[in-house]
N, C-alpha and C. Protein backbone atom coordinates (compact mmCIF):
# COMPACT_ATOMS: atom_id res chain seq x y z
N UNK A 1 -255.16 -24.43 119.39
CA UNK A 1 -255.07 -23.20 118.64
C UNK A 1 -253.68 -22.57 118.74
N UNK A 2 -253.10 -22.69 119.89
CA UNK A 2 -251.78 -22.13 120.09
C UNK A 2 -250.79 -22.82 119.17
N UNK A 3 -251.03 -24.09 119.04
CA UNK A 3 -250.15 -24.85 118.16
C UNK A 3 -250.33 -24.42 116.72
N UNK A 4 -251.57 -24.15 116.31
CA UNK A 4 -251.85 -23.68 114.94
C UNK A 4 -251.21 -22.31 114.71
N UNK A 5 -251.27 -21.47 115.72
CA UNK A 5 -250.70 -20.13 115.60
C UNK A 5 -249.18 -20.25 115.48
N UNK A 6 -248.62 -21.11 116.29
CA UNK A 6 -247.17 -21.30 116.23
C UNK A 6 -246.75 -21.87 114.88
N UNK A 7 -247.54 -22.79 114.35
CA UNK A 7 -247.24 -23.37 113.05
C UNK A 7 -247.36 -22.32 111.97
N UNK A 8 -248.39 -21.48 112.05
CA UNK A 8 -248.58 -20.41 111.07
C UNK A 8 -247.43 -19.42 111.15
N UNK A 9 -247.05 -19.04 112.37
CA UNK A 9 -245.93 -18.12 112.54
C UNK A 9 -244.64 -18.75 112.03
N UNK A 10 -244.49 -20.01 112.31
CA UNK A 10 -243.31 -20.72 111.84
C UNK A 10 -243.27 -20.75 110.32
N UNK A 11 -244.45 -20.99 109.71
CA UNK A 11 -244.53 -20.99 108.24
C UNK A 11 -244.23 -19.60 107.68
N UNK A 12 -244.76 -18.55 108.35
CA UNK A 12 -244.50 -17.18 107.90
C UNK A 12 -243.01 -16.85 108.04
N UNK A 13 -242.44 -17.24 109.17
CA UNK A 13 -241.01 -17.00 109.39
C UNK A 13 -240.18 -17.76 108.35
N UNK A 14 -240.60 -18.97 108.10
CA UNK A 14 -239.90 -19.79 107.10
C UNK A 14 -240.03 -19.16 105.71
N UNK A 15 -241.24 -18.68 105.38
CA UNK A 15 -241.47 -18.04 104.08
C UNK A 15 -240.66 -16.76 103.98
N UNK A 16 -240.65 -15.97 105.05
CA UNK A 16 -239.89 -14.72 105.05
C UNK A 16 -238.40 -15.03 104.95
N UNK A 17 -237.99 -16.04 105.70
CA UNK A 17 -236.60 -16.44 105.65
C UNK A 17 -236.24 -16.96 104.27
N UNK A 18 -237.13 -17.75 103.71
CA UNK A 18 -236.91 -18.30 102.37
C UNK A 18 -236.87 -17.18 101.34
N UNK A 19 -237.72 -16.17 101.48
CA UNK A 19 -237.75 -15.03 100.57
C UNK A 19 -236.44 -14.24 100.69
N UNK A 20 -235.96 -14.04 101.93
CA UNK A 20 -234.69 -13.33 102.13
C UNK A 20 -233.55 -14.13 101.52
N UNK A 21 -233.61 -15.44 101.72
CA UNK A 21 -232.56 -16.30 101.15
C UNK A 21 -232.57 -16.21 99.63
N UNK A 22 -233.76 -16.20 99.04
CA UNK A 22 -233.86 -16.10 97.58
C UNK A 22 -233.32 -14.75 97.10
N UNK A 23 -233.65 -13.69 97.83
CA UNK A 23 -233.13 -12.36 97.46
C UNK A 23 -231.61 -12.33 97.54
N UNK A 24 -231.07 -12.92 98.62
CA UNK A 24 -229.62 -12.98 98.76
C UNK A 24 -229.00 -13.82 97.64
N UNK A 25 -229.66 -14.92 97.34
CA UNK A 25 -229.17 -15.79 96.27
C UNK A 25 -229.12 -15.04 94.94
N UNK A 26 -230.19 -14.30 94.61
CA UNK A 26 -230.22 -13.53 93.35
C UNK A 26 -229.17 -12.41 93.37
N UNK A 27 -228.98 -11.82 94.54
CA UNK A 27 -227.95 -10.79 94.66
C UNK A 27 -226.56 -11.39 94.45
N UNK A 28 -226.31 -12.55 95.05
CA UNK A 28 -225.04 -13.24 94.84
C UNK A 28 -224.86 -13.62 93.37
N UNK A 29 -225.92 -14.08 92.77
CA UNK A 29 -225.87 -14.48 91.36
C UNK A 29 -225.50 -13.28 90.48
N UNK A 30 -226.13 -12.11 90.75
CA UNK A 30 -225.81 -10.89 89.99
C UNK A 30 -224.35 -10.48 90.21
N UNK A 31 -223.90 -10.59 91.46
CA UNK A 31 -222.50 -10.25 91.76
C UNK A 31 -221.54 -11.18 91.03
N UNK A 32 -221.87 -12.46 91.00
CA UNK A 32 -221.01 -13.43 90.30
C UNK A 32 -220.96 -13.09 88.81
N UNK A 33 -222.11 -12.79 88.21
CA UNK A 33 -222.14 -12.44 86.78
C UNK A 33 -221.31 -11.18 86.52
N UNK A 34 -221.46 -10.18 87.40
CA UNK A 34 -220.72 -8.94 87.25
C UNK A 34 -219.21 -9.20 87.38
N UNK A 35 -218.85 -10.06 88.33
CA UNK A 35 -217.43 -10.39 88.52
C UNK A 35 -216.88 -11.20 87.34
N UNK A 36 -217.68 -12.08 86.77
CA UNK A 36 -217.24 -12.84 85.60
C UNK A 36 -216.96 -11.90 84.44
N UNK A 37 -217.85 -10.93 84.24
CA UNK A 37 -217.64 -9.94 83.17
C UNK A 37 -216.37 -9.13 83.45
N UNK A 38 -216.19 -8.72 84.69
CA UNK A 38 -215.01 -7.92 85.06
C UNK A 38 -213.72 -8.73 84.87
N UNK A 39 -213.76 -10.01 85.23
CA UNK A 39 -212.58 -10.86 85.05
C UNK A 39 -212.24 -10.98 83.57
N UNK A 40 -213.25 -11.16 82.72
CA UNK A 40 -212.97 -11.27 81.28
C UNK A 40 -212.44 -9.95 80.73
N UNK A 41 -212.95 -8.81 81.24
CA UNK A 41 -212.41 -7.51 80.82
C UNK A 41 -210.95 -7.37 81.24
N UNK A 42 -210.65 -7.76 82.46
CA UNK A 42 -209.28 -7.67 82.95
C UNK A 42 -208.34 -8.60 82.19
N UNK A 43 -208.83 -9.79 81.83
CA UNK A 43 -208.01 -10.70 81.03
C UNK A 43 -207.72 -10.11 79.66
N UNK A 44 -208.74 -9.51 79.03
CA UNK A 44 -208.53 -8.89 77.72
C UNK A 44 -207.54 -7.74 77.84
N UNK A 45 -207.67 -6.94 78.88
CA UNK A 45 -206.74 -5.82 79.10
C UNK A 45 -205.32 -6.34 79.33
N UNK A 46 -205.20 -7.40 80.15
CA UNK A 46 -203.89 -8.01 80.41
C UNK A 46 -203.26 -8.52 79.12
N UNK A 47 -204.07 -9.20 78.28
CA UNK A 47 -203.55 -9.73 77.03
C UNK A 47 -203.06 -8.60 76.12
N UNK A 48 -203.83 -7.51 76.07
CA UNK A 48 -203.41 -6.36 75.28
C UNK A 48 -202.10 -5.77 75.79
N UNK A 49 -201.99 -5.64 77.10
CA UNK A 49 -200.76 -5.10 77.69
C UNK A 49 -199.58 -6.03 77.47
N UNK A 50 -199.81 -7.35 77.56
CA UNK A 50 -198.73 -8.30 77.31
C UNK A 50 -198.26 -8.22 75.86
N UNK A 51 -199.21 -8.03 74.93
CA UNK A 51 -198.82 -7.88 73.52
C UNK A 51 -197.98 -6.63 73.32
N UNK A 52 -198.41 -5.52 73.94
CA UNK A 52 -197.64 -4.28 73.82
C UNK A 52 -196.25 -4.44 74.42
N UNK A 53 -196.19 -5.09 75.58
CA UNK A 53 -194.91 -5.31 76.24
C UNK A 53 -194.00 -6.19 75.38
N UNK A 54 -194.58 -7.19 74.76
CA UNK A 54 -193.81 -8.06 73.88
C UNK A 54 -193.26 -7.28 72.69
N UNK A 55 -194.11 -6.42 72.10
CA UNK A 55 -193.65 -5.60 70.97
C UNK A 55 -192.50 -4.69 71.39
N UNK A 56 -192.64 -4.06 72.54
CA UNK A 56 -191.59 -3.16 73.03
C UNK A 56 -190.32 -3.95 73.30
N UNK A 57 -190.47 -5.12 73.91
CA UNK A 57 -189.30 -5.96 74.18
C UNK A 57 -188.60 -6.37 72.90
N UNK A 58 -189.39 -6.71 71.88
CA UNK A 58 -188.81 -7.10 70.60
C UNK A 58 -188.05 -5.94 69.98
N UNK A 59 -188.64 -4.76 70.03
CA UNK A 59 -187.98 -3.57 69.48
C UNK A 59 -186.68 -3.30 70.23
N UNK A 60 -186.73 -3.38 71.55
CA UNK A 60 -185.52 -3.11 72.34
C UNK A 60 -184.44 -4.14 72.08
N UNK A 61 -184.84 -5.38 71.85
CA UNK A 61 -183.84 -6.42 71.58
C UNK A 61 -183.20 -6.25 70.21
N UNK A 62 -184.01 -5.89 69.22
CA UNK A 62 -183.51 -5.87 67.85
C UNK A 62 -182.88 -4.54 67.47
N UNK A 63 -183.40 -3.44 68.01
CA UNK A 63 -182.91 -2.12 67.60
C UNK A 63 -181.48 -1.91 68.07
N UNK A 64 -180.61 -1.60 67.15
CA UNK A 64 -179.20 -1.32 67.41
C UNK A 64 -178.47 -2.51 68.07
N UNK A 65 -178.97 -3.70 67.84
CA UNK A 65 -178.32 -4.90 68.39
C UNK A 65 -177.62 -5.62 67.24
N UNK A 66 -176.30 -5.64 67.24
CA UNK A 66 -175.58 -6.26 66.12
C UNK A 66 -175.77 -7.78 66.05
N UNK A 67 -176.24 -8.38 67.13
CA UNK A 67 -176.42 -9.83 67.14
C UNK A 67 -177.74 -10.27 66.52
N UNK A 68 -178.65 -9.33 66.27
CA UNK A 68 -179.94 -9.66 65.67
C UNK A 68 -179.97 -9.06 64.27
N UNK A 69 -180.21 -9.89 63.29
CA UNK A 69 -180.18 -9.45 61.90
C UNK A 69 -181.55 -8.96 61.47
N UNK A 70 -181.58 -7.74 60.93
CA UNK A 70 -182.80 -7.19 60.36
C UNK A 70 -182.84 -7.61 58.90
N UNK A 71 -183.75 -8.51 58.57
CA UNK A 71 -183.79 -9.07 57.22
C UNK A 71 -184.21 -8.05 56.17
N UNK A 72 -184.80 -6.94 56.59
CA UNK A 72 -185.19 -5.91 55.62
C UNK A 72 -184.03 -4.96 55.30
N UNK A 73 -182.93 -5.06 56.04
CA UNK A 73 -181.78 -4.18 55.83
C UNK A 73 -180.98 -4.66 54.61
N UNK A 74 -180.90 -3.81 53.56
CA UNK A 74 -180.16 -4.23 52.37
C UNK A 74 -178.65 -4.30 52.61
N UNK A 75 -178.17 -3.69 53.68
CA UNK A 75 -176.73 -3.69 53.97
C UNK A 75 -176.36 -4.63 55.11
N UNK A 76 -177.21 -5.60 55.39
CA UNK A 76 -176.88 -6.55 56.46
C UNK A 76 -175.66 -7.36 56.04
N UNK A 77 -174.90 -7.85 56.98
CA UNK A 77 -173.62 -8.51 56.66
C UNK A 77 -173.73 -9.64 55.65
N UNK A 78 -174.75 -10.49 55.79
CA UNK A 78 -174.87 -11.62 54.86
C UNK A 78 -175.08 -11.13 53.43
N UNK A 79 -175.87 -10.07 53.29
CA UNK A 79 -176.16 -9.51 51.97
C UNK A 79 -174.89 -8.89 51.37
N UNK A 80 -174.12 -8.19 52.20
CA UNK A 80 -172.87 -7.58 51.73
C UNK A 80 -171.89 -8.67 51.29
N UNK A 81 -171.82 -9.76 52.04
CA UNK A 81 -170.93 -10.86 51.68
C UNK A 81 -171.31 -11.43 50.32
N UNK A 82 -172.61 -11.61 50.10
CA UNK A 82 -173.07 -12.14 48.81
C UNK A 82 -172.71 -11.18 47.69
N UNK A 83 -172.92 -9.88 47.92
CA UNK A 83 -172.60 -8.89 46.88
C UNK A 83 -171.10 -8.87 46.58
N UNK A 84 -170.28 -8.91 47.63
CA UNK A 84 -168.83 -8.92 47.42
C UNK A 84 -168.40 -10.19 46.70
N UNK A 85 -169.02 -11.29 47.04
CA UNK A 85 -168.71 -12.55 46.38
C UNK A 85 -169.07 -12.47 44.89
N UNK A 86 -170.22 -11.85 44.60
CA UNK A 86 -170.63 -11.69 43.20
C UNK A 86 -169.67 -10.76 42.46
N UNK A 87 -169.21 -9.72 43.15
CA UNK A 87 -168.24 -8.82 42.51
C UNK A 87 -167.00 -9.60 42.13
N UNK A 88 -166.51 -10.40 43.07
CA UNK A 88 -165.32 -11.18 42.77
C UNK A 88 -165.61 -12.20 41.66
N UNK A 89 -166.68 -12.94 41.82
CA UNK A 89 -166.99 -13.99 40.85
C UNK A 89 -167.27 -13.43 39.46
N UNK A 90 -167.97 -12.33 39.39
CA UNK A 90 -168.38 -11.79 38.09
C UNK A 90 -167.45 -10.70 37.57
N UNK A 91 -167.43 -9.58 38.28
CA UNK A 91 -166.71 -8.41 37.80
C UNK A 91 -165.20 -8.63 37.74
N UNK A 92 -164.64 -9.12 38.83
CA UNK A 92 -163.19 -9.31 38.89
C UNK A 92 -162.75 -10.31 37.82
N UNK A 93 -163.48 -11.41 37.72
CA UNK A 93 -163.12 -12.43 36.74
C UNK A 93 -163.25 -11.88 35.32
N UNK A 94 -164.33 -11.12 35.05
CA UNK A 94 -164.51 -10.53 33.72
C UNK A 94 -163.38 -9.54 33.40
N UNK A 95 -163.04 -8.68 34.37
CA UNK A 95 -161.96 -7.71 34.15
C UNK A 95 -160.64 -8.44 33.91
N UNK A 96 -160.39 -9.45 34.68
CA UNK A 96 -159.18 -10.25 34.55
C UNK A 96 -159.09 -10.87 33.15
N UNK A 97 -160.20 -11.43 32.69
CA UNK A 97 -160.25 -12.06 31.36
C UNK A 97 -160.05 -11.02 30.26
N UNK A 98 -160.68 -9.85 30.40
CA UNK A 98 -160.54 -8.80 29.38
C UNK A 98 -159.09 -8.33 29.27
N UNK A 99 -158.42 -8.17 30.41
CA UNK A 99 -157.02 -7.77 30.36
C UNK A 99 -156.16 -8.85 29.70
N UNK A 100 -156.47 -10.09 30.00
CA UNK A 100 -155.72 -11.20 29.40
C UNK A 100 -155.94 -11.24 27.88
N UNK A 101 -157.17 -10.97 27.44
CA UNK A 101 -157.48 -10.98 26.00
C UNK A 101 -156.76 -9.84 25.27
N UNK A 102 -156.50 -8.74 25.99
CA UNK A 102 -155.82 -7.60 25.36
C UNK A 102 -154.32 -7.81 25.29
N UNK A 103 -153.87 -8.95 25.71
CA UNK A 103 -152.47 -9.26 25.55
C UNK A 103 -151.63 -9.10 26.78
N UNK A 104 -152.21 -8.72 27.88
CA UNK A 104 -151.43 -8.60 29.11
C UNK A 104 -151.26 -9.99 29.69
N UNK A 105 -150.03 -10.46 29.68
CA UNK A 105 -149.77 -11.82 30.13
C UNK A 105 -149.32 -11.88 31.59
N UNK A 106 -148.90 -10.76 32.14
CA UNK A 106 -148.38 -10.75 33.49
C UNK A 106 -149.56 -10.60 34.48
N UNK A 107 -149.88 -11.68 35.19
CA UNK A 107 -151.03 -11.64 36.10
C UNK A 107 -150.81 -10.66 37.24
N UNK A 108 -149.58 -10.52 37.71
CA UNK A 108 -149.29 -9.56 38.79
C UNK A 108 -149.58 -8.14 38.33
N UNK A 109 -149.29 -7.84 37.07
CA UNK A 109 -149.49 -6.50 36.55
C UNK A 109 -150.98 -6.15 36.51
N UNK A 110 -151.82 -7.06 36.00
CA UNK A 110 -153.22 -6.67 35.98
C UNK A 110 -153.88 -6.79 37.33
N UNK A 111 -153.34 -7.55 38.22
CA UNK A 111 -153.86 -7.53 39.59
C UNK A 111 -153.59 -6.18 40.23
N UNK A 112 -152.38 -5.63 39.99
CA UNK A 112 -152.06 -4.30 40.51
C UNK A 112 -152.95 -3.24 39.86
N UNK A 113 -153.19 -3.37 38.56
CA UNK A 113 -154.05 -2.41 37.86
C UNK A 113 -155.48 -2.44 38.39
N UNK A 114 -156.00 -3.63 38.56
CA UNK A 114 -157.36 -3.76 39.10
C UNK A 114 -157.44 -3.26 40.54
N UNK A 115 -156.41 -3.54 41.32
CA UNK A 115 -156.37 -3.06 42.70
C UNK A 115 -156.37 -1.54 42.73
N UNK A 116 -155.59 -0.92 41.84
CA UNK A 116 -155.54 0.54 41.76
C UNK A 116 -156.93 1.10 41.41
N UNK A 117 -157.61 0.46 40.46
CA UNK A 117 -158.97 0.91 40.08
C UNK A 117 -159.90 0.82 41.29
N UNK A 118 -159.83 -0.28 42.03
CA UNK A 118 -160.69 -0.45 43.21
C UNK A 118 -160.37 0.58 44.29
N UNK A 119 -159.08 0.88 44.48
CA UNK A 119 -158.71 1.86 45.50
C UNK A 119 -159.22 3.25 45.12
N UNK A 120 -159.12 3.60 43.83
CA UNK A 120 -159.66 4.88 43.38
C UNK A 120 -161.17 4.93 43.61
N UNK A 121 -161.85 3.84 43.30
CA UNK A 121 -163.30 3.78 43.49
C UNK A 121 -163.63 3.91 44.97
N UNK A 122 -162.83 3.28 45.82
CA UNK A 122 -163.04 3.35 47.26
C UNK A 122 -162.92 4.79 47.74
N UNK A 123 -161.92 5.54 47.23
CA UNK A 123 -161.75 6.94 47.62
C UNK A 123 -162.95 7.77 47.18
N UNK A 124 -163.45 7.51 45.98
CA UNK A 124 -164.63 8.23 45.49
C UNK A 124 -165.83 7.94 46.39
N UNK A 125 -166.01 6.66 46.75
CA UNK A 125 -167.13 6.28 47.62
C UNK A 125 -167.00 6.93 48.99
N UNK A 126 -165.77 7.01 49.53
CA UNK A 126 -165.57 7.63 50.84
C UNK A 126 -165.96 9.10 50.82
N UNK A 127 -165.62 9.79 49.74
CA UNK A 127 -165.99 11.21 49.64
C UNK A 127 -167.51 11.36 49.62
N UNK A 128 -168.18 10.48 48.89
CA UNK A 128 -169.65 10.52 48.85
C UNK A 128 -170.26 10.24 50.21
N UNK A 129 -169.69 9.28 50.91
CA UNK A 129 -170.18 8.95 52.25
C UNK A 129 -169.96 10.12 53.20
N UNK A 130 -168.78 10.73 53.14
CA UNK A 130 -168.50 11.89 54.00
C UNK A 130 -169.48 13.02 53.72
N UNK A 131 -169.78 13.25 52.45
CA UNK A 131 -170.75 14.30 52.10
C UNK A 131 -172.14 13.97 52.66
N UNK A 132 -172.53 12.71 52.56
CA UNK A 132 -173.84 12.32 53.09
C UNK A 132 -173.89 12.46 54.61
N UNK A 133 -172.78 12.13 55.28
CA UNK A 133 -172.74 12.27 56.74
C UNK A 133 -172.85 13.74 57.12
N UNK A 134 -172.10 14.61 56.42
CA UNK A 134 -172.19 16.04 56.70
C UNK A 134 -173.61 16.55 56.49
N UNK A 135 -174.27 16.13 55.41
CA UNK A 135 -175.63 16.56 55.12
C UNK A 135 -176.60 16.06 56.20
N UNK A 136 -176.42 14.82 56.62
CA UNK A 136 -177.27 14.26 57.67
C UNK A 136 -177.11 15.06 58.97
N UNK A 137 -175.86 15.36 59.32
CA UNK A 137 -175.61 16.12 60.55
C UNK A 137 -176.22 17.52 60.46
N UNK A 138 -176.10 18.14 59.29
CA UNK A 138 -176.67 19.48 59.11
C UNK A 138 -178.19 19.43 59.28
N UNK A 139 -178.83 18.43 58.66
CA UNK A 139 -180.28 18.30 58.79
C UNK A 139 -180.68 18.01 60.23
N UNK A 140 -179.91 17.16 60.90
CA UNK A 140 -180.20 16.80 62.29
C UNK A 140 -180.08 18.02 63.18
N UNK A 141 -179.03 18.83 62.97
CA UNK A 141 -178.86 20.03 63.78
C UNK A 141 -179.99 21.01 63.52
N UNK A 142 -180.38 21.17 62.26
CA UNK A 142 -181.49 22.06 61.92
C UNK A 142 -182.76 21.58 62.60
N UNK A 143 -182.99 20.27 62.57
CA UNK A 143 -184.17 19.69 63.21
C UNK A 143 -184.13 19.92 64.72
N UNK A 144 -182.96 19.73 65.33
CA UNK A 144 -182.83 19.94 66.78
C UNK A 144 -183.07 21.40 67.15
N UNK A 145 -182.56 22.32 66.32
CA UNK A 145 -182.75 23.75 66.59
C UNK A 145 -184.24 24.08 66.51
N UNK A 146 -184.92 23.54 65.49
CA UNK A 146 -186.37 23.79 65.37
C UNK A 146 -187.11 23.24 66.58
N UNK A 147 -186.73 22.05 67.03
CA UNK A 147 -187.37 21.46 68.21
C UNK A 147 -187.15 22.32 69.44
N UNK A 148 -185.92 22.82 69.61
CA UNK A 148 -185.63 23.69 70.75
C UNK A 148 -186.43 24.99 70.66
N UNK A 149 -186.56 25.53 69.45
CA UNK A 149 -187.35 26.74 69.28
C UNK A 149 -188.81 26.49 69.64
N UNK A 150 -189.34 25.33 69.24
CA UNK A 150 -190.73 25.00 69.58
C UNK A 150 -190.91 24.87 71.08
N UNK A 151 -189.96 24.22 71.75
CA UNK A 151 -190.04 24.06 73.20
C UNK A 151 -189.94 25.43 73.86
N UNK A 152 -189.01 26.25 73.40
CA UNK A 152 -188.83 27.59 73.96
C UNK A 152 -190.11 28.41 73.77
N UNK A 153 -190.70 28.31 72.58
CA UNK A 153 -191.93 29.05 72.31
C UNK A 153 -193.06 28.56 73.22
N UNK A 154 -193.18 27.25 73.36
CA UNK A 154 -194.22 26.68 74.22
C UNK A 154 -194.01 27.11 75.66
N UNK A 155 -192.75 27.10 76.11
CA UNK A 155 -192.45 27.50 77.48
C UNK A 155 -192.78 28.97 77.69
N UNK A 156 -192.38 29.81 76.75
CA UNK A 156 -192.65 31.24 76.91
C UNK A 156 -194.14 31.50 76.84
N UNK A 157 -194.87 30.73 76.01
CA UNK A 157 -196.31 30.88 75.91
C UNK A 157 -196.96 30.51 77.24
N UNK A 158 -196.55 29.38 77.83
CA UNK A 158 -197.08 28.95 79.12
C UNK A 158 -196.71 29.95 80.21
N UNK A 159 -195.49 30.46 80.16
CA UNK A 159 -195.01 31.40 81.17
C UNK A 159 -195.81 32.70 81.12
N UNK A 160 -196.12 33.17 79.90
CA UNK A 160 -196.90 34.40 79.75
C UNK A 160 -198.29 34.22 80.33
N UNK A 161 -198.92 33.06 80.08
CA UNK A 161 -200.26 32.82 80.60
C UNK A 161 -200.26 32.67 82.11
N UNK A 162 -199.19 32.14 82.67
CA UNK A 162 -199.08 31.98 84.11
C UNK A 162 -198.97 33.34 84.77
N UNK A 163 -198.23 34.27 84.14
CA UNK A 163 -198.08 35.62 84.69
C UNK A 163 -199.41 36.35 84.69
N UNK A 164 -200.22 36.14 83.63
CA UNK A 164 -201.49 36.84 83.52
C UNK A 164 -202.49 36.36 84.56
N UNK A 165 -202.37 35.10 84.96
CA UNK A 165 -203.31 34.54 85.94
C UNK A 165 -202.96 35.04 87.29
């Protein structure tokens, strides 16, 4: 009988131990699932942050960097070269031919005339550019003054509320 009791107790201990082991196993399984979900969330967050970092890096590399060409810029150097080449190929040649047709045989004379026309045009363009720069600076200063007024107003508003408290 003692042996039967010991066997029964051993079976009960084994069953209890087995039940505890199963509970631990299920707990570990839940923890693993929770950790797998957390790892995938962290990977998604990391990927999002890497994308943002890459975008910022790209902006920092390209913005105000003369070595990186902005293809959307209509005044990029390659585009300006093509336009100047077209001016020479088309406009200059046409003007040259028209002067020749009007009887001007001296090529040096119409080269000087065309150069004078271009220099006058350049002066006109410079005046327009200077006016645009002045207007831009005026707008920028007005914008900066408004920003300072907003900051001053916000500061005085915060300061007034701090005094009341």
